[in-house]
Amino acid sequence: MPVVRPPIDRLGADPGRRRLLGALLGAPLLASGSLTGCSDDAAAPAQDGPIELSVFWWGGTRRAELTEKALRLYSQRNPRVTFRVTWQGADGYYDRLATQAAGGNVPDLIQLDDTMLTEYAQRQIVLDLSEHVADHRLDLRMLPEGLVRYGSVDGRTMAVASGQTHAAVVFNRDLLDRLRVPDPRSGMTWSEYVSWAEEVTRASDGRVAGTMDPSGDYRALWLWLRSEGGEFYRGRQLGFGADELIGWFELWQRARRVRATPGAALVEQADSGQPARQLVVTGLTAASFAWSHQLPELQRLTRSELGLVGLPGSLGAQWARASMYWAAFRGTRHPDTVLDVINFLTTNGEAGTVLGHERGLNPSLAVRRYAEGSITDPAQQRAATFGASIADRLGPAPAPPPKGHTKVRSLLVAAAESIRSGRAGTRAATSRFLAQADAALAT
């Protein structure tokens, strides 16, 4: 159920007006943790009277605690601004947001991910931020170029990353130590990864499978395609055809034959993507596929130490990927204030220290450096180290997925499950998927 909070109390008043978080290039860090701006002309919003902004996101209790703390910090520096927050789990989040959009009652500041960004931009639900980025009122100059691009739809900046993440292999380091099998490594080919997983299954006498079967995981397929010089989407159409998808499905057919993956029923339990159902957490596989920013949550679900490496294939197939975004409602009555809050949440040192890596690496490179020493959670530290280790090897960012991506993801899962269960052959499942996916993208 959604959790609705009353307006967030202020933590006192700052007698001076906070300087807007302006041009960051070459700007020093203040002892307070703020990243300085360049001009008092770019100070916090100038509307008279109190302002209450509504904010809506999905996540767990920990995310709520940290986000509300960061918003209180903003109110401390801008005493006229308070927040009414609502948050809930991921399930049903977009259903609730769709109901709000239908009634023209979208919160001022909302959290989105790349599955819905294009659709919300094209439906003109979220505010076009392009002109504010151009004049640096919304200052993205310290964000990686690819991360900025991944918030653009049809050449317009429609959202700002609230964190950066990467698709990754999460593995059970303690289990592998007991089995005397080496850890997987970034840069393995996909065939090498399957052979590694087969070795794990054999070493455990079949008690544990080596890897989750990711044949229905769009992230894994996307990076496999990019490793092969392809792409998941080309504009508003699929970027691959039958031959590529058959090759992908047959790779995992071979993995199943050598028992590198668990049975179909177990894989289907984990296909939802819910952290608690990840097979590396439940002890049924030595490795699963997840987002790097999910490592702390996964680690809390098991006593075994979890490690993190890149997906098989070239690390250049990865890109600076937004774990999720902050976007402004197009109909907000306080656009300047919402922009300032986004600036604060993404480029302020103190806010970055509060938020940590709960949504992934802080989008601002300057804030990452500033907050680095404040991250004490070992799993967050491992995720940050992983992100830093591949930062210089990332490839160019594609455009965010087109409208219809959510349906395409579901269709891929269904196709993979039909093959695993034997209900359909590889070619039949591929043909059905391509026809249905093309229809979903055409609507």
Protein backbone atom coordinates (compact mmCIF):
# COMPACT_ATOMS: atom_id res chain seq x y z
CA MET A 1 0.00 0.00 0.00
CA PRO A 2 1.22 3.53 -0.69
CA VAL A 3 2.66 5.33 2.32
CA VAL A 4 1.50 8.94 2.47
CA ARG A 5 3.38 11.32 4.70
CA PRO A 6 2.18 14.69 5.98
CA PRO A 7 4.30 17.69 5.07
CA ILE A 8 7.91 17.15 6.12
CA ASP A 9 8.82 19.28 9.11
CA ARG A 10 11.56 21.85 8.67
CA LEU A 11 14.81 21.37 10.58
CA GLY A 12 15.15 25.06 11.32
CA ALA A 13 15.84 28.07 9.14
CA ASP A 14 18.99 29.06 7.34
CA PRO A 15 19.16 32.89 7.63
CA GLY A 16 20.94 33.22 4.30
CA ARG A 17 19.51 32.25 0.93
CA ARG A 18 21.18 29.15 -0.42
CA ARG A 19 23.19 29.77 -3.55
CA LEU A 20 21.87 27.65 -6.36
CA LEU A 21 24.00 24.68 -7.26
CA GLY A 22 25.35 26.25 -10.41
CA ALA A 23 28.35 25.61 -12.61
CA LEU A 24 30.30 22.82 -10.95
CA LEU A 25 33.37 22.74 -13.16
CA GLY A 26 36.21 23.96 -11.01
CA ALA A 27 33.91 24.94 -8.13
CA PRO A 28 35.28 24.14 -4.64
CA LEU A 29 33.46 22.07 -2.06
CA LEU A 30 32.28 23.90 1.02
CA ALA A 31 32.71 22.51 4.49
CA SER A 32 28.94 22.18 4.69
CA GLY A 33 29.00 19.70 1.84
CA SER A 34 27.27 21.92 -0.70
CA LEU A 35 28.71 22.37 -4.15
CA THR A 36 28.97 26.07 -4.75
CA GLY A 37 27.35 27.97 -7.57
CA CYS A 38 28.57 31.03 -9.39
CA SER A 39 26.02 33.74 -8.87
CA ASP A 40 23.44 34.95 -6.39
CA ASP A 41 21.24 35.61 -9.43
CA ALA A 42 20.73 31.86 -9.56
CA ALA A 43 19.48 31.62 -6.00
CA ALA A 44 16.66 29.40 -4.81
CA PRO A 45 13.14 30.02 -6.14
CA ALA A 46 11.85 33.56 -5.77
CA GLN A 47 8.10 32.90 -5.31
CA ASP A 48 6.65 34.63 -2.27
CA GLY A 49 4.84 32.66 0.38
CA PRO A 50 5.03 29.00 1.40
CA ILE A 51 5.39 26.27 -1.20
CA GLU A 52 4.43 22.64 -0.69
CA LEU A 53 5.66 20.13 -3.27
CA SER A 54 4.27 16.63 -3.63
CA VAL A 55 6.83 13.87 -4.25
CA PHE A 56 6.17 10.24 -5.24
CA TRP A 57 8.60 7.34 -5.59
CA TRP A 58 8.81 3.58 -5.25
CA GLY A 59 11.16 1.71 -2.96
CA GLY A 60 11.50 0.27 0.51
CA THR A 61 11.65 1.74 3.99
CA ARG A 62 15.36 2.50 3.78
CA ARG A 63 14.94 4.53 0.58
CA ALA A 64 12.06 6.42 2.19
CA GLU A 65 14.10 7.28 5.29
CA LEU A 66 17.03 8.60 3.29
CA THR A 67 14.94 10.50 0.74
CA GLU A 68 12.88 12.19 3.42
CA LYS A 69 16.05 13.14 5.29
CA ALA A 70 17.47 14.73 2.12
CA LEU A 71 14.22 16.65 1.55
CA ARG A 72 14.32 17.92 5.13
CA LEU A 73 17.82 19.14 4.46
CA TYR A 74 16.49 21.11 1.49
CA SER A 75 13.75 22.65 3.65
CA GLN A 76 16.36 23.64 6.21
CA ARG A 77 18.06 25.73 3.53
CA ASN A 78 14.80 26.90 1.95
CA PRO A 79 12.41 27.39 4.88
CA ARG A 80 9.43 28.33 2.69
CA VAL A 81 9.45 24.92 0.94
CA THR A 82 7.91 21.81 2.48
CA PHE A 83 7.15 18.41 0.99
CA ARG A 84 4.25 15.99 1.03
CA VAL A 85 5.68 12.60 0.18
CA THR A 86 4.12 9.33 -0.94
CA TRP A 87 6.01 6.12 -1.56
CA GLN A 88 5.26 2.46 -2.08
CA GLY A 89 6.75 -0.76 -3.38
CA ALA A 90 7.42 -1.17 -7.08
CA ASP A 91 4.35 -3.36 -7.63
CA GLY A 92 1.43 -1.16 -8.61
CA TYR A 93 3.48 2.04 -8.68
CA TYR A 94 2.88 2.81 -12.34
CA ASP A 95 -0.78 1.80 -12.06
CA ARG A 96 -1.22 4.44 -9.38
CA LEU A 97 0.75 6.99 -11.37
CA ALA A 98 -1.38 6.28 -14.47
CA THR A 99 -4.53 6.94 -12.44
CA GLN A 100 -3.09 10.23 -11.26
CA ALA A 101 -2.10 11.17 -14.80
CA ALA A 102 -5.61 10.43 -16.09
CA GLY A 103 -6.96 12.87 -13.53
CA GLY A 104 -4.30 15.51 -14.15
CA ASN A 105 -3.17 15.12 -10.56
CA VAL A 106 0.42 13.93 -10.93
CA PRO A 107 2.76 14.84 -8.04
CA ASP A 108 5.16 17.72 -8.67
CA LEU A 109 8.24 15.48 -8.53
CA ILE A 110 8.11 11.81 -9.50
CA GLN A 111 10.48 8.90 -9.82
CA LEU A 112 10.54 7.09 -13.18
CA ASP A 113 12.68 4.42 -14.77
CA ASP A 114 13.66 3.83 -18.37
CA THR A 115 10.71 1.54 -19.03
CA MET A 116 8.31 4.49 -18.84
CA LEU A 117 10.34 7.62 -19.53
CA THR A 118 9.70 7.73 -23.28
CA GLU A 119 5.97 7.11 -22.88
CA TYR A 120 5.57 9.81 -20.22
CA ALA A 121 7.58 12.24 -22.33
CA GLN A 122 5.58 11.60 -25.49
CA ARG A 123 2.30 11.85 -23.59
CA GLN A 124 3.51 15.24 -22.28
CA ILE A 125 3.09 14.23 -18.66
CA VAL A 126 6.60 15.29 -17.65
CA LEU A 127 8.20 18.69 -18.09
CA ASP A 128 10.70 19.31 -20.91
CA LEU A 129 13.88 20.34 -19.09
CA SER A 130 15.99 21.16 -22.16
CA GLU A 131 16.03 24.96 -21.91
CA HIS A 132 16.85 24.77 -18.20
CA VAL A 133 19.77 22.46 -18.94
CA ALA A 134 20.98 24.79 -21.69
CA ASP A 135 21.15 27.81 -19.36
CA HIS A 136 22.45 25.67 -16.45
CA ARG A 137 19.56 26.46 -14.15
CA LEU A 138 19.44 22.68 -14.13
CA ASP A 139 23.15 21.95 -13.96
CA LEU A 140 24.15 18.61 -15.43
CA ARG A 141 27.73 19.48 -16.30
CA MET A 142 29.20 17.12 -13.69
CA LEU A 143 27.11 14.15 -14.80
CA PRO A 144 28.69 11.67 -17.24
CA GLU A 145 27.69 12.58 -20.79
CA GLY A 146 26.11 9.17 -21.37
CA LEU A 147 24.03 9.51 -18.21
CA VAL A 148 22.65 12.84 -19.40
CA ARG A 149 21.90 11.36 -22.83
CA TYR A 150 20.02 8.49 -21.23
CA GLY A 151 17.52 11.00 -19.84
CA SER A 152 16.79 12.46 -23.29
CA VAL A 153 13.82 11.57 -25.49
CA ASP A 154 13.77 12.75 -29.12
CA GLY A 155 16.66 15.10 -28.36
CA ARG A 156 14.98 16.70 -25.34
CA THR A 157 16.08 16.30 -21.71
CA MET A 158 13.00 14.94 -19.97
CA ALA A 159 14.44 13.64 -16.70
CA VAL A 160 17.60 13.59 -14.62
CA ALA A 161 19.19 10.39 -13.35
CA SER A 162 18.83 9.99 -9.60
CA GLY A 163 21.51 7.31 -9.66
CA GLN A 164 23.72 5.31 -12.00
CA THR A 165 23.73 1.53 -12.17
CA HIS A 166 24.98 -1.35 -14.31
CA ALA A 167 23.72 -4.81 -15.15
CA ALA A 168 25.90 -7.24 -13.22
CA VAL A 169 26.47 -10.83 -12.18
CA VAL A 170 25.98 -11.21 -8.42
CA PHE A 171 27.70 -14.32 -7.08
CA ASN A 172 27.97 -16.17 -3.78
CA ARG A 173 31.64 -15.85 -2.85
CA ASP A 174 31.40 -18.09 0.25
CA LEU A 175 29.78 -20.90 -1.73
CA LEU A 176 32.42 -20.76 -4.44
CA ASP A 177 35.15 -20.86 -1.80
CA ARG A 178 33.64 -24.01 -0.32
CA LEU A 179 33.36 -25.60 -3.75
CA ARG A 180 36.88 -24.46 -4.68
CA VAL A 181 35.62 -22.92 -7.87
CA PRO A 182 37.11 -19.57 -8.94
CA ASP A 183 34.92 -16.46 -8.95
CA PRO A 184 33.46 -15.40 -12.28
CA ARG A 185 35.26 -12.45 -13.85
CA SER A 186 34.29 -9.46 -15.92
CA GLY A 187 35.12 -9.89 -19.58
CA MET A 188 34.38 -13.63 -19.82
CA THR A 189 32.74 -14.60 -23.07
CA TRP A 190 29.20 -15.88 -22.77
CA SER A 191 30.37 -19.40 -23.65
CA GLU A 192 33.06 -19.19 -20.97
CA TYR A 193 30.46 -18.08 -18.46
CA VAL A 194 28.25 -21.08 -19.26
CA SER A 195 31.29 -23.39 -18.87
CA TRP A 196 32.05 -21.76 -15.52
CA ALA A 197 28.44 -22.35 -14.38
CA GLU A 198 28.64 -25.97 -15.52
CA GLU A 199 31.77 -26.39 -13.38
CA VAL A 200 29.90 -25.04 -10.33
CA THR A 201 27.02 -27.49 -10.79
CA ARG A 202 29.44 -30.38 -11.16
CA ALA A 203 31.49 -29.34 -8.12
CA SER A 204 28.34 -29.22 -5.97
CA ASP A 205 27.21 -32.66 -7.18
CA GLY A 206 24.12 -31.00 -8.64
CA ARG A 207 22.93 -29.52 -5.35
CA VAL A 208 23.42 -25.96 -6.64
CA ALA A 209 23.21 -24.79 -10.24
CA GLY A 210 25.91 -22.46 -11.50
CA THR A 211 23.78 -19.60 -12.75
CA MET A 212 20.30 -18.22 -13.10
CA ASP A 213 18.94 -18.72 -16.62
CA PRO A 214 18.73 -15.17 -18.07
CA SER A 215 17.21 -16.12 -21.43
CA GLY A 216 14.15 -14.02 -20.56
CA ASP A 217 16.16 -11.16 -19.03
CA TYR A 218 16.12 -8.19 -21.40
CA ARG A 219 19.19 -6.68 -19.73
CA ALA A 220 21.30 -9.73 -20.49
CA LEU A 221 19.98 -9.98 -24.05
CA TRP A 222 20.60 -6.27 -24.62
CA LEU A 223 24.24 -6.52 -23.54
CA TRP A 224 24.73 -9.75 -25.50
CA LEU A 225 23.44 -7.98 -28.62
CA ARG A 226 25.73 -4.99 -28.03
CA SER A 227 28.69 -7.32 -27.49
CA GLU A 228 27.92 -8.75 -30.94
CA GLY A 229 27.74 -5.29 -32.52
CA GLY A 230 23.95 -5.15 -32.42
CA GLU A 231 21.36 -3.22 -30.43
CA PHE A 232 18.06 -3.97 -28.70
CA TYR A 233 16.21 -1.08 -30.33
CA ARG A 234 16.71 0.98 -33.45
CA GLY A 235 14.51 4.01 -32.96
CA ARG A 236 11.02 2.71 -32.26
CA GLN A 237 11.63 -0.77 -33.64
CA LEU A 238 13.49 -3.85 -32.49
CA GLY A 239 17.16 -3.74 -33.40
CA PHE A 240 17.47 -7.49 -33.92
CA GLY A 241 15.80 -10.23 -35.91
CA ALA A 242 15.10 -13.94 -35.76
CA ASP A 243 18.67 -15.14 -36.27
CA GLU A 244 20.01 -13.13 -33.34
CA LEU A 245 17.22 -14.15 -30.97
CA ILE A 246 17.47 -17.81 -31.94
CA GLY A 247 21.20 -17.65 -31.25
CA TRP A 248 20.49 -16.21 -27.80
CA PHE A 249 17.88 -18.83 -26.94
CA GLU A 250 20.09 -21.67 -28.20
CA LEU A 251 22.96 -20.48 -25.99
CA TRP A 252 20.78 -21.12 -22.95
CA GLN A 253 19.38 -24.34 -24.38
CA ARG A 254 22.97 -25.62 -24.36
CA ALA A 255 23.41 -24.33 -20.79
CA ARG A 256 20.35 -26.27 -19.67
CA ARG A 257 21.59 -29.46 -21.33
CA VAL A 258 24.80 -29.36 -19.27
CA ARG A 259 22.85 -28.42 -16.12
CA ALA A 260 24.56 -25.05 -15.79
CA THR A 261 21.13 -23.59 -14.90
CA PRO A 262 18.34 -24.83 -12.59
CA GLY A 263 15.03 -26.30 -13.66
CA ALA A 264 12.35 -24.25 -15.40
CA ALA A 265 10.08 -24.02 -12.33
CA LEU A 266 12.83 -22.44 -10.21
CA VAL A 267 13.77 -19.99 -12.95
CA GLU A 268 10.17 -18.87 -13.34
CA GLN A 269 10.04 -18.06 -9.62
CA ALA A 270 12.94 -15.65 -10.09
CA ASP A 271 11.78 -14.15 -13.39
CA SER A 272 9.80 -11.49 -11.51
CA GLY A 273 13.07 -9.77 -10.64
CA GLN A 274 12.10 -9.38 -6.98
CA PRO A 275 15.30 -9.38 -4.88
CA ALA A 276 13.98 -11.89 -2.34
CA ARG A 277 13.38 -14.40 -5.15
CA GLN A 278 16.82 -14.13 -6.69
CA LEU A 279 18.25 -17.64 -6.76
CA VAL A 280 21.66 -16.48 -5.54
CA VAL A 281 19.88 -15.29 -2.37
CA THR A 282 17.76 -18.40 -1.88
CA GLY A 283 20.86 -20.57 -2.32
CA LEU A 284 19.72 -22.36 -5.47
CA THR A 285 22.38 -20.90 -7.76
CA ALA A 286 25.88 -19.56 -7.32
CA ALA A 287 25.11 -16.50 -9.47
CA SER A 288 22.21 -14.35 -10.62
CA PHE A 289 21.77 -11.30 -12.80
CA ALA A 290 20.81 -8.00 -11.15
CA TRP A 291 21.45 -4.27 -11.12
CA SER A 292 24.64 -3.30 -9.32
CA HIS A 293 22.78 -0.87 -7.04
CA GLN A 294 20.69 -3.81 -5.76
CA LEU A 295 23.71 -5.48 -4.16
CA PRO A 296 23.14 -4.00 -0.67
CA GLU A 297 19.51 -5.16 -0.67
CA LEU A 298 20.50 -8.63 -1.90
CA GLN A 299 23.27 -8.81 0.68
CA ARG A 300 20.77 -8.11 3.48
CA LEU A 301 18.83 -11.21 2.39
CA THR A 302 21.68 -13.71 2.89
CA ARG A 303 24.46 -14.42 5.36
CA SER A 304 26.85 -15.40 2.55
CA GLU A 305 29.14 -12.72 1.15
CA LEU A 306 28.05 -11.65 -2.30
CA GLY A 307 30.41 -10.39 -4.99
CA LEU A 308 29.81 -8.40 -8.14
CA VAL A 309 31.27 -8.57 -11.67
CA GLY A 310 30.19 -7.36 -15.07
CA LEU A 311 28.03 -9.44 -17.35
CA PRO A 312 29.89 -11.64 -19.83
CA GLY A 313 31.04 -10.02 -23.04
CA SER A 314 32.71 -6.71 -23.67
CA LEU A 315 32.41 -4.13 -20.91
CA GLY A 316 32.00 -1.63 -23.74
CA ALA A 317 28.51 -3.06 -24.22
CA GLN A 318 27.57 -1.37 -20.94
CA TRP A 319 26.79 2.34 -20.72
CA ALA A 320 26.20 4.99 -18.06
CA ARG A 321 22.73 3.80 -17.18
CA ALA A 322 20.21 5.58 -15.01
CA SER A 323 18.92 3.31 -12.28
CA MET A 324 15.93 5.65 -12.13
CA TYR A 325 15.16 9.31 -12.76
CA TRP A 326 13.68 12.39 -11.17
CA ALA A 327 11.11 14.04 -13.44
CA ALA A 328 8.89 17.09 -12.99
CA PHE A 329 5.17 17.06 -13.68
CA ARG A 330 4.42 19.24 -16.70
CA GLY A 331 1.50 20.82 -14.85
CA THR A 332 3.35 21.71 -11.65
CA ARG A 333 2.59 25.19 -10.32
CA HIS A 334 6.14 25.53 -9.05
CA PRO A 335 8.50 24.51 -11.88
CA ASP A 336 11.41 26.65 -10.66
CA THR A 337 11.25 25.10 -7.21
CA VAL A 338 11.01 21.58 -8.60
CA LEU A 339 14.08 22.24 -10.76
CA ASP A 340 15.95 23.51 -7.73
CA VAL A 341 15.03 20.41 -5.75
CA ILE A 342 16.28 18.16 -8.57
CA ASN A 343 19.51 20.16 -8.59
CA PHE A 344 19.81 19.69 -4.86
CA LEU A 345 19.15 15.95 -4.88
CA THR A 346 21.62 15.29 -7.69
CA THR A 347 24.44 17.82 -7.21
CA ASN A 348 24.57 18.75 -3.51
CA GLY A 349 27.33 17.18 -1.45
CA GLU A 350 25.38 16.91 1.78
CA ALA A 351 22.34 15.48 0.03
CA GLY A 352 24.59 13.00 -1.74
CA THR A 353 26.10 11.93 1.56
CA VAL A 354 22.64 11.39 3.04
CA LEU A 355 21.31 9.43 0.05
CA GLY A 356 24.43 7.30 -0.28
CA HIS A 357 24.15 4.72 -3.04
CA GLU A 358 20.62 3.58 -2.25
CA ARG A 359 19.52 4.45 -5.78
CA GLY A 360 22.92 3.64 -7.25
CA LEU A 361 26.05 5.73 -7.72
CA ASN A 362 25.33 9.43 -7.27
CA PRO A 363 24.82 10.90 -10.75
CA SER A 364 27.28 13.74 -10.13
CA LEU A 365 30.96 12.85 -10.39
CA ALA A 366 31.82 15.67 -7.97
CA VAL A 367 29.36 14.39 -5.35
CA ARG A 368 30.69 10.86 -5.73
CA ARG A 369 34.15 12.10 -4.85
CA TYR A 370 32.86 14.18 -1.96
CA ALA A 371 30.69 11.45 -0.42
CA GLU A 372 33.10 8.58 -1.04
CA GLY A 373 34.45 8.45 2.49
CA SER A 374 30.97 8.53 4.05
CA ILE A 375 29.87 5.21 2.52
CA THR A 376 30.38 2.65 5.28
CA ASP A 377 28.11 -0.22 4.19
CA PRO A 378 30.42 -2.93 2.78
CA ALA A 379 27.95 -3.92 0.04
CA GLN A 380 27.57 -0.29 -1.05
CA GLN A 381 31.34 0.00 -1.10
CA ARG A 382 31.63 -3.08 -3.32
CA ALA A 383 28.99 -1.71 -5.69
CA ALA A 384 30.80 1.64 -5.85
CA THR A 385 34.15 -0.04 -6.48
CA PHE A 386 32.64 -2.08 -9.29
CA GLY A 387 31.14 1.04 -10.89
CA ALA A 388 34.46 2.87 -10.68
CA SER A 389 36.34 -0.10 -12.14
CA ILE A 390 34.39 -0.05 -15.39
CA ALA A 391 33.73 3.70 -15.69
CA ASP A 392 36.42 4.25 -18.33
CA ARG A 393 35.37 1.28 -20.42
CA LEU A 394 31.69 2.03 -20.96
CA GLY A 395 30.27 2.35 -24.45
CA PRO A 396 27.98 5.07 -25.84
CA ALA A 397 24.52 5.32 -24.34
CA PRO A 398 21.57 4.39 -26.55
CA ALA A 399 18.31 6.30 -26.41
CA PRO A 400 15.97 5.22 -23.60
CA PRO A 401 13.65 2.37 -24.65
CA PRO A 402 10.65 3.39 -26.77
CA LYS A 403 7.02 3.25 -25.74
CA GLY A 404 5.95 -0.37 -25.57
CA HIS A 405 9.15 -1.53 -23.86
CA THR A 406 7.28 -2.82 -20.81
CA LYS A 407 5.21 -5.12 -23.02
CA VAL A 408 8.31 -6.25 -24.94
CA ARG A 409 9.99 -7.21 -21.65
CA SER A 410 6.99 -9.33 -20.66
CA LEU A 411 6.87 -10.97 -24.08
CA LEU A 412 10.55 -11.93 -23.83
CA VAL A 413 9.98 -13.56 -20.46
CA ALA A 414 6.99 -15.48 -21.86
CA ALA A 415 8.98 -16.64 -24.91
CA ALA A 416 11.88 -17.86 -22.77
CA GLU A 417 9.54 -19.67 -20.37
CA SER A 418 7.73 -21.41 -23.23
CA ILE A 419 11.06 -22.74 -24.52
CA ARG A 420 12.30 -23.84 -21.10
CA SER A 421 9.08 -25.70 -20.36
CA GLY A 422 8.99 -27.37 -23.75
CA ARG A 423 5.68 -25.80 -24.69
CA ALA A 424 7.25 -24.27 -27.80
CA GLY A 425 10.33 -24.77 -29.92
CA THR A 426 12.97 -22.07 -30.27
CA ARG A 427 11.93 -21.01 -33.75
CA ALA A 428 8.22 -20.96 -32.98
CA ALA A 429 8.74 -18.95 -29.79
CA THR A 430 11.03 -16.54 -31.62
CA SER A 431 8.54 -15.99 -34.43
CA ARG A 432 5.71 -15.36 -31.98
CA PHE A 433 7.81 -12.96 -29.92
CA LEU A 434 8.89 -10.89 -32.94
CA ALA A 435 5.33 -10.54 -34.23
CA GLN A 436 3.92 -9.56 -30.84
CA ALA A 437 6.80 -7.24 -30.01
CA ASP A 438 6.46 -5.41 -33.33
CA ALA A 439 2.74 -4.94 -32.60
CA ALA A 440 3.46 -3.64 -29.08
CA LEU A 441 5.94 -1.08 -30.39
CA ALA A 442 3.58 0.06 -33.14
CA THR A 443 0.77 1.10 -30.78
